[in-house]
Structure formats: structure tokens, C-alpha cells
């Protein structure tokens, strides 16, 4: 079976699992573990394929506000970790918004190694965001 087929099968299986249909707490836990395991398999396969292509997923750290030395205005800077260089870099959030509007995983060249393309997963930022007061 090709990796593409494995990913499709895992993603289809994940979508078909309905934790609410599990009849006991044990079955609910089993479904959660199964879905989590399939998600991990998909993640590992995608990571391996990305590395083969010279692409690596960067790790989001946080967003900080800094003062623009020219305008004096506040600028949101996203901090990311390049796992290959094991180093942290920052990028202006608006730069990503303009360069890759709506992209789920914008790509940039690693500032430390020009042969590596870094993937910046948007969902990593969403996961790290504190919950909004409602």
C-alpha cells in the first residue's frame, strides 16, 4: 500500500469514528485512543514525506508585540523554532498574511539553512492561542 493510500485510509477512518455512538466509557476511551493513534500515523507519514522533499514543519512558540523602530507602531511578531537548526526566529505576522493569505501551511525558506523549506502550520497558532472570554 502506498503512503498516500495509507493517509487516505487513516483520514477516512478518523472521520467515520463517532465517539458519541460509543455505548460505554471504556468504548469511548478506545475510540479516542484509536482516533488519536490514526492521527499520529498520518502526522508521522506527512512529516517523513515533507523531510524527503526538504520541507520541515517549524514549531510555533508564541506571538509577541514589538515596537516598529521606524513608525513607532506595534507589530505582532510570531516566534517559531526551526527544528533542523534548533534555533528560534521571528517573522512579522502581517508578512505571512500578505504572502500566503488563507494558506493552511505557508512555506518559508529557513533563515538558518537555505536548503530547508519550513512549513508554518496555521493550526499551531490556533492551538496555542488562549481561549477567548465569552
N, C-alpha and C. Protein backbone atom coordinates (compact mmCIF):
# COMPACT_ATOMS: atom_id res chain seq x y z
N UNK A 1 0.84 -1.17 0.00
CA UNK A 1 0.00 0.00 0.00
C UNK A 1 0.90 1.25 0.00
N UNK A 2 0.59 2.22 -0.84
CA UNK A 2 1.38 3.45 -0.90
C UNK A 2 1.04 4.35 0.28
N UNK A 3 1.98 5.22 0.63
CA UNK A 3 1.74 6.11 1.78
C UNK A 3 0.52 7.00 1.55
N UNK A 4 0.30 7.43 0.33
CA UNK A 4 -0.86 8.26 0.02
C UNK A 4 -2.15 7.50 0.36
N UNK A 5 -2.18 6.21 0.04
CA UNK A 5 -3.36 5.39 0.33
C UNK A 5 -3.53 5.18 1.84
N UNK A 6 -2.42 5.04 2.54
CA UNK A 6 -2.48 4.87 3.99
C UNK A 6 -3.05 6.13 4.64
N UNK A 7 -2.58 7.27 4.19
CA UNK A 7 -3.09 8.53 4.73
C UNK A 7 -4.59 8.66 4.47
N UNK A 8 -5.01 8.37 3.25
CA UNK A 8 -6.44 8.46 2.92
C UNK A 8 -7.26 7.51 3.80
N UNK A 9 -6.77 6.28 3.97
CA UNK A 9 -7.49 5.31 4.79
C UNK A 9 -7.59 5.80 6.24
N UNK A 10 -6.49 6.29 6.79
CA UNK A 10 -6.50 6.78 8.16
C UNK A 10 -7.46 7.96 8.32
N UNK A 11 -7.38 8.91 7.40
CA UNK A 11 -8.26 10.08 7.49
C UNK A 11 -9.72 9.69 7.35
N UNK A 12 -10.01 8.73 6.46
CA UNK A 12 -11.39 8.26 6.30
C UNK A 12 -11.86 7.57 7.59
N UNK A 13 -10.99 6.76 8.18
CA UNK A 13 -11.33 6.07 9.42
C UNK A 13 -11.58 7.06 10.56
N UNK A 14 -10.76 8.10 10.62
CA UNK A 14 -10.93 9.12 11.65
C UNK A 14 -12.30 9.80 11.50
N UNK A 15 -12.65 10.16 10.26
CA UNK A 15 -13.94 10.82 10.01
C UNK A 15 -15.12 9.91 10.34
N UNK A 16 -14.92 8.59 10.17
CA UNK A 16 -16.04 7.67 10.39
C UNK A 16 -16.26 7.35 11.87
N UNK A 17 -15.30 7.65 12.71
CA UNK A 17 -15.42 7.35 14.13
C UNK A 17 -16.30 8.39 14.81
N UNK A 18 -17.30 7.96 15.51
CA UNK A 18 -18.19 8.86 16.23
C UNK A 18 -18.19 8.46 17.69
N UNK A 19 -17.50 9.26 18.49
CA UNK A 19 -17.37 8.95 19.91
C UNK A 19 -18.72 8.92 20.62
N UNK A 20 -19.67 9.69 20.11
CA UNK A 20 -20.99 9.74 20.75
C UNK A 20 -21.75 8.42 20.60
N UNK A 21 -21.38 7.63 19.60
CA UNK A 21 -22.06 6.35 19.40
C UNK A 21 -21.51 5.25 20.30
N UNK A 22 -20.38 5.51 20.95
CA UNK A 22 -19.81 4.53 21.87
C UNK A 22 -20.73 4.41 23.07
N UNK A 23 -21.03 3.18 23.46
CA UNK A 23 -22.07 2.95 24.47
C UNK A 23 -21.56 2.91 25.90
N UNK A 24 -20.27 2.75 26.10
CA UNK A 24 -19.73 2.70 27.46
C UNK A 24 -18.52 3.64 27.56
N UNK A 25 -18.15 4.05 28.77
CA UNK A 25 -16.96 4.89 28.93
C UNK A 25 -15.69 4.22 28.38
N UNK A 26 -15.63 2.89 28.53
CA UNK A 26 -14.46 2.16 28.02
C UNK A 26 -14.38 2.25 26.50
N UNK A 27 -15.54 2.09 25.85
CA UNK A 27 -15.57 2.18 24.39
C UNK A 27 -15.25 3.60 23.92
N UNK A 28 -15.73 4.59 24.65
CA UNK A 28 -15.41 5.99 24.31
C UNK A 28 -13.90 6.22 24.39
N UNK A 29 -13.27 5.70 25.44
CA UNK A 29 -11.82 5.84 25.59
C UNK A 29 -11.08 5.13 24.45
N UNK A 30 -11.59 3.95 24.08
CA UNK A 30 -10.98 3.19 22.99
C UNK A 30 -11.06 4.00 21.69
N UNK A 31 -12.23 4.58 21.41
CA UNK A 31 -12.41 5.38 20.19
C UNK A 31 -11.46 6.58 20.21
N UNK A 32 -11.38 7.26 21.36
CA UNK A 32 -10.46 8.41 21.46
C UNK A 32 -9.02 7.99 21.18
N UNK A 33 -8.61 6.86 21.78
CA UNK A 33 -7.25 6.37 21.57
C UNK A 33 -7.00 5.96 20.13
N UNK A 34 -7.99 5.32 19.52
CA UNK A 34 -7.88 4.86 18.13
C UNK A 34 -7.73 6.06 17.20
N UNK A 35 -8.59 7.05 17.38
CA UNK A 35 -8.55 8.25 16.54
C UNK A 35 -7.23 8.99 16.75
N UNK A 36 -6.80 9.09 17.98
CA UNK A 36 -5.52 9.75 18.28
C UNK A 36 -4.36 9.01 17.62
N UNK A 37 -4.38 7.68 17.71
CA UNK A 37 -3.32 6.88 17.09
C UNK A 37 -3.28 7.03 15.58
N UNK A 38 -4.46 7.02 14.95
CA UNK A 38 -4.51 7.23 13.50
C UNK A 38 -4.00 8.62 13.13
N UNK A 39 -4.37 9.61 13.93
CA UNK A 39 -3.88 10.97 13.69
C UNK A 39 -2.37 11.03 13.78
N UNK A 40 -1.81 10.31 14.76
CA UNK A 40 -0.35 10.27 14.90
C UNK A 40 0.31 9.60 13.69
N UNK A 41 -0.30 8.55 13.18
CA UNK A 41 0.23 7.86 11.99
C UNK A 41 0.26 8.82 10.81
N UNK A 42 -0.83 9.53 10.59
CA UNK A 42 -0.90 10.50 9.48
C UNK A 42 0.17 11.57 9.65
N UNK A 43 0.31 12.07 10.87
CA UNK A 43 1.30 13.12 11.14
C UNK A 43 2.72 12.62 10.84
N UNK A 44 3.05 11.43 11.29
CA UNK A 44 4.40 10.88 11.08
C UNK A 44 4.68 10.68 9.59
N UNK A 45 3.70 10.16 8.86
CA UNK A 45 3.89 9.93 7.42
C UNK A 45 4.08 11.27 6.70
N UNK A 46 3.24 12.25 7.02
CA UNK A 46 3.35 13.56 6.37
C UNK A 46 4.69 14.22 6.70
N UNK A 47 5.13 14.08 7.95
CA UNK A 47 6.43 14.64 8.34
C UNK A 47 7.57 13.99 7.55
N UNK A 48 7.51 12.67 7.40
CA UNK A 48 8.56 11.96 6.67
C UNK A 48 8.58 12.39 5.20
N UNK A 49 7.39 12.51 4.60
CA UNK A 49 7.32 12.94 3.20
C UNK A 49 7.84 14.36 3.04
N UNK A 50 7.52 15.23 4.00
CA UNK A 50 7.99 16.62 3.94
C UNK A 50 9.52 16.67 4.05
N UNK A 51 10.07 15.87 4.96
CA UNK A 51 11.54 15.85 5.11
C UNK A 51 12.23 15.37 3.84
N UNK A 52 11.63 14.36 3.20
CA UNK A 52 12.20 13.88 1.94
C UNK A 52 12.23 14.98 0.89
N UNK A 53 11.24 15.84 0.92
CA UNK A 53 11.15 16.93 -0.04
C UNK A 53 11.94 18.16 0.40
N UNK A 54 12.68 18.05 1.51
CA UNK A 54 13.44 19.19 2.02
C UNK A 54 12.57 20.17 2.77
N UNK A 55 11.40 19.70 3.21
CA UNK A 55 10.48 20.55 3.95
C UNK A 55 10.33 20.02 5.37
N UNK A 56 10.35 20.94 6.32
CA UNK A 56 10.27 20.58 7.72
C UNK A 56 9.25 21.48 8.40
N UNK A 57 8.46 20.91 9.28
CA UNK A 57 7.44 21.69 9.99
C UNK A 57 8.10 22.41 11.17
N UNK A 58 8.00 23.74 11.17
CA UNK A 58 8.51 24.54 12.28
C UNK A 58 7.54 24.44 13.45
N UNK A 59 8.04 24.73 14.64
CA UNK A 59 7.21 24.67 15.84
C UNK A 59 6.88 26.09 16.29
N UNK A 60 5.58 26.39 16.39
CA UNK A 60 5.15 27.71 16.84
C UNK A 60 5.42 27.84 18.33
N UNK A 61 5.97 28.99 18.74
CA UNK A 61 6.25 29.23 20.15
C UNK A 61 5.24 30.21 20.74
N UNK A 62 5.21 31.43 20.20
CA UNK A 62 4.25 32.42 20.68
C UNK A 62 4.24 33.63 19.76
N UNK A 63 3.35 34.53 20.06
CA UNK A 63 3.29 35.81 19.36
C UNK A 63 3.63 36.90 20.36
N UNK A 64 4.49 37.83 19.97
CA UNK A 64 4.86 38.93 20.86
C UNK A 64 4.62 40.25 20.13
N UNK A 65 4.37 41.29 20.90
CA UNK A 65 4.22 42.63 20.34
C UNK A 65 5.55 43.35 20.51
N UNK A 66 6.04 43.94 19.42
CA UNK A 66 7.27 44.73 19.48
C UNK A 66 6.99 46.09 18.84
N UNK A 67 7.83 47.07 19.15
CA UNK A 67 7.66 48.40 18.58
C UNK A 67 8.46 48.51 17.29
N UNK A 68 7.81 48.97 16.23
CA UNK A 68 8.49 49.23 14.97
C UNK A 68 9.38 50.45 15.18
N UNK A 69 10.71 50.33 14.96
CA UNK A 69 11.61 51.45 15.23
C UNK A 69 11.39 52.65 14.29
N UNK A 70 10.77 52.41 13.14
CA UNK A 70 10.55 53.50 12.18
C UNK A 70 9.24 54.23 12.46
N UNK A 71 8.15 53.46 12.57
CA UNK A 71 6.83 54.08 12.74
C UNK A 71 6.44 54.28 14.19
N UNK A 72 7.07 53.53 15.09
CA UNK A 72 6.70 53.59 16.49
C UNK A 72 5.45 52.79 16.82
N UNK A 73 4.86 52.15 15.79
CA UNK A 73 3.66 51.36 15.99
C UNK A 73 3.98 49.97 16.50
N UNK A 74 2.94 49.30 17.01
CA UNK A 74 3.11 47.93 17.49
C UNK A 74 3.04 46.96 16.32
N UNK A 75 3.88 45.95 16.36
CA UNK A 75 3.92 44.92 15.33
C UNK A 75 3.85 43.56 16.02
N UNK A 76 2.97 42.68 15.50
CA UNK A 76 2.91 41.31 16.01
C UNK A 76 3.99 40.49 15.34
N UNK A 77 4.84 39.88 16.14
CA UNK A 77 5.90 39.02 15.61
C UNK A 77 5.65 37.60 16.13
N UNK A 78 5.59 36.65 15.20
CA UNK A 78 5.43 35.25 15.56
C UNK A 78 6.81 34.64 15.77
N UNK A 79 6.97 33.94 16.87
CA UNK A 79 8.23 33.24 17.16
C UNK A 79 8.05 31.77 16.81
N UNK A 80 9.00 31.24 16.03
CA UNK A 80 8.98 29.86 15.58
C UNK A 80 10.33 29.22 15.87
N UNK A 81 10.32 27.90 16.01
CA UNK A 81 11.57 27.16 16.19
C UNK A 81 11.84 26.31 14.96
N UNK A 82 13.02 26.49 14.40
CA UNK A 82 13.47 25.68 13.28
C UNK A 82 14.07 24.41 13.89
N UNK A 83 13.42 23.24 13.70
CA UNK A 83 13.90 22.03 14.36
C UNK A 83 15.21 21.50 13.79
N UNK A 84 15.54 21.87 12.57
CA UNK A 84 16.79 21.41 11.98
C UNK A 84 17.96 22.19 12.58
N UNK A 85 17.83 23.52 12.61
CA UNK A 85 18.89 24.37 13.17
C UNK A 85 18.83 24.43 14.69
N UNK A 86 17.70 23.98 15.25
CA UNK A 86 17.47 24.06 16.70
C UNK A 86 17.61 25.51 17.17
N UNK A 87 17.01 26.42 16.40
CA UNK A 87 17.11 27.85 16.70
C UNK A 87 15.75 28.51 16.51
N UNK A 88 15.57 29.64 17.17
CA UNK A 88 14.31 30.37 17.12
C UNK A 88 14.45 31.58 16.20
N UNK A 89 13.38 31.85 15.46
CA UNK A 89 13.35 33.04 14.61
C UNK A 89 11.98 33.69 14.72
N UNK A 90 11.92 34.98 14.35
CA UNK A 90 10.66 35.71 14.39
C UNK A 90 10.30 36.21 13.01
N UNK A 91 8.99 36.31 12.76
CA UNK A 91 8.52 36.82 11.48
C UNK A 91 7.27 37.68 11.73
N UNK A 92 7.22 38.80 11.06
CA UNK A 92 6.09 39.72 11.17
C UNK A 92 4.82 38.99 10.73
N UNK A 93 3.81 38.94 11.59
CA UNK A 93 2.57 38.23 11.28
C UNK A 93 1.92 38.73 10.00
N UNK A 94 1.96 40.04 9.78
CA UNK A 94 1.32 40.60 8.58
C UNK A 94 2.04 40.16 7.32
N UNK A 95 3.33 39.88 7.42
CA UNK A 95 4.09 39.38 6.27
C UNK A 95 3.52 38.05 5.80
N UNK A 96 3.24 37.17 6.75
CA UNK A 96 2.66 35.87 6.40
C UNK A 96 1.25 36.03 5.85
N UNK A 97 0.48 36.93 6.46
CA UNK A 97 -0.89 37.15 5.98
C UNK A 97 -0.91 37.64 4.53
N UNK A 98 0.05 38.49 4.18
CA UNK A 98 0.11 39.04 2.82
C UNK A 98 0.73 38.05 1.84
N UNK A 99 1.76 37.34 2.29
CA UNK A 99 2.47 36.43 1.38
C UNK A 99 1.70 35.17 1.09
N UNK A 100 0.91 34.71 2.06
CA UNK A 100 0.20 33.44 1.89
C UNK A 100 -1.19 33.54 2.49
N UNK A 101 -2.05 34.41 1.95
CA UNK A 101 -3.37 34.57 2.55
C UNK A 101 -4.20 33.29 2.48
N UNK A 102 -4.70 32.88 3.63
CA UNK A 102 -5.57 31.71 3.69
C UNK A 102 -4.87 30.37 3.58
N UNK A 103 -3.55 30.37 3.41
CA UNK A 103 -2.85 29.09 3.30
C UNK A 103 -2.83 28.39 4.65
N UNK A 104 -3.07 27.10 4.63
CA UNK A 104 -3.09 26.31 5.86
C UNK A 104 -1.69 26.11 6.42
N UNK A 105 -0.71 26.02 5.53
CA UNK A 105 0.67 25.80 5.94
C UNK A 105 1.62 26.59 5.05
N UNK A 106 1.75 27.91 5.31
CA UNK A 106 2.67 28.71 4.49
C UNK A 106 4.08 28.14 4.56
N UNK A 107 4.82 28.33 3.48
CA UNK A 107 6.20 27.84 3.42
C UNK A 107 7.15 29.03 3.33
N UNK A 108 8.24 28.96 4.10
CA UNK A 108 9.29 29.96 4.01
C UNK A 108 10.63 29.25 3.99
N UNK A 109 11.63 29.93 3.48
CA UNK A 109 12.99 29.39 3.50
C UNK A 109 13.54 29.56 4.91
N UNK A 110 14.20 28.54 5.42
CA UNK A 110 14.79 28.63 6.75
C UNK A 110 15.82 29.76 6.76
N UNK A 111 15.76 30.63 7.78
CA UNK A 111 16.76 31.69 7.86
C UNK A 111 18.15 31.16 8.23
N UNK A 112 18.22 29.91 8.64
CA UNK A 112 19.49 29.33 9.07
C UNK A 112 20.09 28.37 8.06
N UNK A 113 19.24 27.80 7.19
CA UNK A 113 19.71 26.83 6.22
C UNK A 113 18.89 26.99 4.94
N UNK A 114 19.45 27.62 3.91
CA UNK A 114 18.69 27.91 2.69
C UNK A 114 18.21 26.67 1.94
N UNK A 115 18.73 25.50 2.27
CA UNK A 115 18.30 24.28 1.59
C UNK A 115 17.02 23.70 2.19
N UNK A 116 16.59 24.25 3.32
CA UNK A 116 15.42 23.75 4.02
C UNK A 116 14.25 24.71 3.86
N UNK A 117 13.10 24.15 3.52
CA UNK A 117 11.86 24.91 3.49
C UNK A 117 11.10 24.59 4.76
N UNK A 118 10.70 25.63 5.47
CA UNK A 118 9.95 25.45 6.71
C UNK A 118 8.46 25.61 6.45
N UNK A 119 7.68 24.70 6.99
CA UNK A 119 6.23 24.77 6.93
C UNK A 119 5.76 25.40 8.24
N UNK A 120 4.89 26.40 8.14
CA UNK A 120 4.39 27.09 9.32
C UNK A 120 2.90 26.80 9.47
N UNK A 121 2.56 25.73 10.18
CA UNK A 121 1.16 25.31 10.27
C UNK A 121 0.29 26.32 11.03
N UNK A 122 -0.73 26.83 10.35
CA UNK A 122 -1.63 27.82 10.95
C UNK A 122 -2.34 27.26 12.17
N UNK A 123 -2.67 25.97 12.15
CA UNK A 123 -3.39 25.40 13.29
C UNK A 123 -2.53 25.37 14.55
N UNK A 124 -1.20 25.45 14.43
CA UNK A 124 -0.34 25.51 15.61
C UNK A 124 -0.57 26.81 16.35
N UNK A 125 -0.81 27.89 15.61
CA UNK A 125 -1.06 29.18 16.22
C UNK A 125 -2.42 29.15 16.92
N UNK A 126 -3.41 28.57 16.25
CA UNK A 126 -4.75 28.49 16.83
C UNK A 126 -4.74 27.67 18.11
N UNK A 127 -3.99 26.58 18.13
CA UNK A 127 -3.92 25.71 19.32
C UNK A 127 -3.26 26.43 20.47
N UNK A 128 -2.28 27.31 20.17
CA UNK A 128 -1.53 27.99 21.22
C UNK A 128 -2.27 29.22 21.74
N UNK A 129 -3.26 29.70 21.01
CA UNK A 129 -3.99 30.91 21.41
C UNK A 129 -4.79 30.66 22.68
N UNK A 130 -4.75 31.62 23.60
CA UNK A 130 -5.57 31.44 24.81
C UNK A 130 -7.04 31.52 24.46
N UNK A 131 -7.90 30.81 25.19
CA UNK A 131 -9.33 30.86 24.88
C UNK A 131 -9.87 32.28 25.08
N UNK A 132 -10.78 32.67 24.16
CA UNK A 132 -11.38 33.99 24.24
C UNK A 132 -12.43 34.00 25.33
N UNK A 133 -12.52 35.13 26.04
CA UNK A 133 -13.57 35.27 27.05
C UNK A 133 -14.90 35.42 26.36
N UNK A 134 -15.90 34.67 26.78
CA UNK A 134 -17.17 34.72 26.11
C UNK A 134 -18.25 35.15 26.95
